[in-house]
Amino acid sequence: MEWLEFSTDNCSVRRTVALVGEKWSLLILRDAVNGIRRFDHFHRHVGLSEAVLADRLRKLVAAGILVTTPYRDPGNRTRHEYRLTAKGWDLWPVVVALMEWGDKHAADPEGPAMAIRHTGCGAPVHLSATCGDGHDALTPRDITAAPGPAALRNPARREV
């Protein structure tokens, strides 16, 4: 069967983009991955309004991507930090993939603003697709996309 014959209403890409596909959410995730946890630090570094930041943080917490934990600086009221959950850390490769694409296709002429390196040896980090049998460095030519179980249960309606 052809790809167009299957429904993508239950598409994981669609659902993921609905959760984190908005620009500010991705920039919040970028900063969270790099250790930013406090509202005022996100506000200063990402550069968006407090209202929009509060809304995006609320959505990421509601989605289980971030969790709030209380902290209190001496002499101040209790506030909350935003920490990545395991679900949030699972988005790390997405952030790295976007960065790698941007470094290749949209970087400043002087070079990228940030580089990520392996802590153990200092070498640059690059993402690589692997298969379940351990073959790595796969390219799009090495894979076949096929409808999953949900698409097989719900084929798209054909126009006649």
Protein backbone atom coordinates (compact mmCIF):
# COMPACT_ATOMS: atom_id res chain seq x y z
CA MET A 1 0.00 0.00 0.00
CA GLU A 2 1.08 3.59 -0.68
CA TRP A 3 1.87 6.01 2.15
CA LEU A 4 -0.97 8.31 1.06
CA GLU A 5 -3.44 5.49 1.64
CA PHE A 6 -2.89 5.64 5.42
CA SER A 7 -4.30 8.12 7.91
CA THR A 8 -1.83 10.33 9.72
CA ASP A 9 -4.42 11.65 12.18
CA ASN A 10 -2.67 9.70 14.94
CA CYS A 11 0.82 10.82 13.85
CA SER A 12 3.51 11.07 16.54
CA VAL A 13 5.18 13.96 14.71
CA ARG A 14 1.89 15.89 14.72
CA ARG A 15 1.36 15.28 18.45
CA THR A 16 4.96 16.21 19.29
CA VAL A 17 4.82 19.43 17.27
CA ALA A 18 1.59 20.30 19.09
CA LEU A 19 3.48 20.03 22.40
CA VAL A 20 6.89 21.53 21.62
CA GLY A 21 6.87 22.79 18.03
CA GLU A 22 6.35 26.43 18.86
CA LYS A 23 9.52 28.57 18.69
CA TRP A 24 9.52 29.73 22.31
CA SER A 25 8.97 26.22 23.66
CA LEU A 26 11.97 24.93 21.71
CA LEU A 27 14.15 27.78 22.98
CA ILE A 28 13.03 27.07 26.56
CA LEU A 29 13.97 23.41 26.01
CA ARG A 30 17.36 24.47 24.59
CA ASP A 31 18.04 26.48 27.73
CA ALA A 32 16.69 23.80 30.09
CA VAL A 33 19.01 21.23 28.49
CA ASN A 34 21.87 23.64 29.15
CA GLY A 35 21.07 24.05 32.84
CA ILE A 36 18.70 27.02 33.00
CA ARG A 37 16.05 26.40 35.67
CA ARG A 38 14.74 29.67 37.01
CA PHE A 39 11.98 31.81 35.52
CA ASP A 40 14.03 35.02 35.58
CA HIS A 41 16.96 33.28 33.87
CA PHE A 42 14.70 31.94 31.10
CA HIS A 43 13.16 35.41 30.79
CA ARG A 44 16.52 37.13 30.48
CA HIS A 45 18.12 34.56 28.17
CA VAL A 46 15.26 33.61 25.83
CA GLY A 47 13.99 37.18 25.61
CA LEU A 48 10.23 36.83 25.59
CA SER A 49 7.54 38.48 27.66
CA GLU A 50 6.80 37.19 31.15
CA ALA A 51 3.24 36.29 30.14
CA VAL A 52 4.33 34.21 27.15
CA LEU A 53 7.10 32.55 29.16
CA ALA A 54 4.69 31.68 31.98
CA ASP A 55 2.25 30.21 29.45
CA ARG A 56 4.91 28.09 27.72
CA LEU A 57 6.34 26.86 31.02
CA ARG A 58 2.83 25.92 32.22
CA LYS A 59 2.25 23.94 29.02
CA LEU A 60 5.58 22.13 29.28
CA VAL A 61 4.85 21.26 32.94
CA ALA A 62 1.32 20.07 32.04
CA ALA A 63 2.81 17.87 29.30
CA GLY A 64 5.22 16.28 31.81
CA ILE A 65 8.29 17.67 30.02
CA LEU A 66 9.26 19.94 32.90
CA VAL A 67 8.56 19.62 36.60
CA THR A 68 8.62 22.40 39.17
CA THR A 69 10.63 22.15 42.35
CA PRO A 70 10.55 24.77 45.12
CA TYR A 71 13.57 26.80 46.12
CA ARG A 72 14.04 29.80 48.38
CA ASP A 73 16.85 32.30 48.31
CA PRO A 74 17.61 33.81 51.73
CA GLY A 75 15.30 36.72 52.45
CA ASN A 76 12.95 35.97 49.55
CA ARG A 77 9.72 34.06 49.14
CA THR A 78 9.62 30.48 47.89
CA ARG A 79 9.78 30.18 44.11
CA HIS A 80 9.93 27.25 41.70
CA GLU A 81 12.64 25.98 39.39
CA TYR A 82 11.82 24.18 36.17
CA ARG A 83 13.68 20.92 35.70
CA LEU A 84 13.54 18.52 32.79
CA THR A 85 11.84 15.21 33.50
CA ALA A 86 12.96 11.96 31.85
CA LYS A 87 10.35 12.76 29.19
CA GLY A 88 11.95 16.19 28.75
CA TRP A 89 15.48 14.76 28.51
CA ASP A 90 14.21 12.45 25.76
CA LEU A 91 13.86 15.65 23.68
CA TRP A 92 17.61 16.32 23.93
CA PRO A 93 18.33 14.63 20.57
CA VAL A 94 15.67 16.83 18.96
CA VAL A 95 17.39 19.97 20.26
CA VAL A 96 20.77 18.68 19.07
CA ALA A 97 19.37 17.76 15.65
CA LEU A 98 17.90 21.25 15.24
CA MET A 99 21.22 22.76 16.29
CA GLU A 100 23.19 20.58 13.84
CA TRP A 101 20.84 21.48 11.00
CA GLY A 102 21.10 25.16 11.91
CA ASP A 103 24.90 24.96 12.12
CA LYS A 104 24.95 23.54 8.60
CA HIS A 105 22.24 25.60 6.92
CA ALA A 106 21.53 28.71 8.99
CA ALA A 107 24.62 29.54 11.06
CA ASP A 108 26.13 32.98 11.39
CA PRO A 109 28.96 33.47 8.86
CA GLU A 110 31.38 33.64 11.81
CA GLY A 111 30.29 30.18 12.90
CA PRO A 112 27.82 28.65 15.34
CA ALA A 113 27.18 30.25 18.72
CA MET A 114 27.56 26.99 20.59
CA ALA A 115 29.38 23.70 20.20
CA ILE A 116 28.66 20.51 22.11
CA ARG A 117 31.49 18.19 22.96
CA HIS A 118 31.88 14.80 24.62
CA THR A 119 32.89 15.45 28.23
CA GLY A 120 35.13 12.37 28.25
CA CYS A 121 37.38 13.25 25.31
CA GLY A 122 36.39 16.70 24.05
CA ALA A 123 35.40 15.55 20.56
CA PRO A 124 32.41 17.19 18.85
CA VAL A 125 29.08 15.40 19.35
CA HIS A 126 26.97 14.43 16.32
CA LEU A 127 23.68 12.58 16.20
CA SER A 128 23.47 9.35 14.30
CA ALA A 129 20.49 7.18 13.38
CA THR A 130 20.80 3.51 14.25
CA CYS A 131 18.64 0.46 13.68
CA GLY A 132 17.59 -2.10 16.28
CA ASP A 133 20.36 -4.46 15.16
CA GLY A 134 23.08 -1.88 15.83
CA HIS A 135 23.79 -0.58 12.33
CA ASP A 136 24.58 3.10 12.69
CA ALA A 137 25.17 6.23 10.63
CA LEU A 138 22.03 5.46 8.63
CA THR A 139 20.92 7.93 5.98
CA PRO A 140 17.43 8.44 4.54
CA ARG A 141 18.42 6.08 1.71
CA ASP A 142 18.99 3.33 4.29
CA ILE A 143 15.50 3.40 5.75
CA THR A 144 11.97 2.58 4.70
CA ALA A 145 9.02 4.37 6.26
CA ALA A 146 6.00 2.15 6.67
CA PRO A 147 2.65 2.70 8.31
CA GLY A 148 2.50 1.57 11.94
CA PRO A 149 -0.25 -0.40 13.66
CA ALA A 150 -2.51 2.62 14.21
CA ALA A 151 -2.37 3.61 10.55
CA LEU A 152 -3.16 0.05 9.50
CA ARG A 153 -6.25 0.09 11.73
CA ASN A 154 -7.38 3.47 10.37
CA PRO A 155 -6.67 3.72 6.64
CA ALA A 156 -7.25 7.14 5.08
CA ARG A 157 -10.42 7.55 3.12
CA ARG A 158 -9.85 7.60 -0.59
CA GLU A 159 -11.55 10.22 -2.66
CA VAL A 160 -13.44 8.74 -5.57
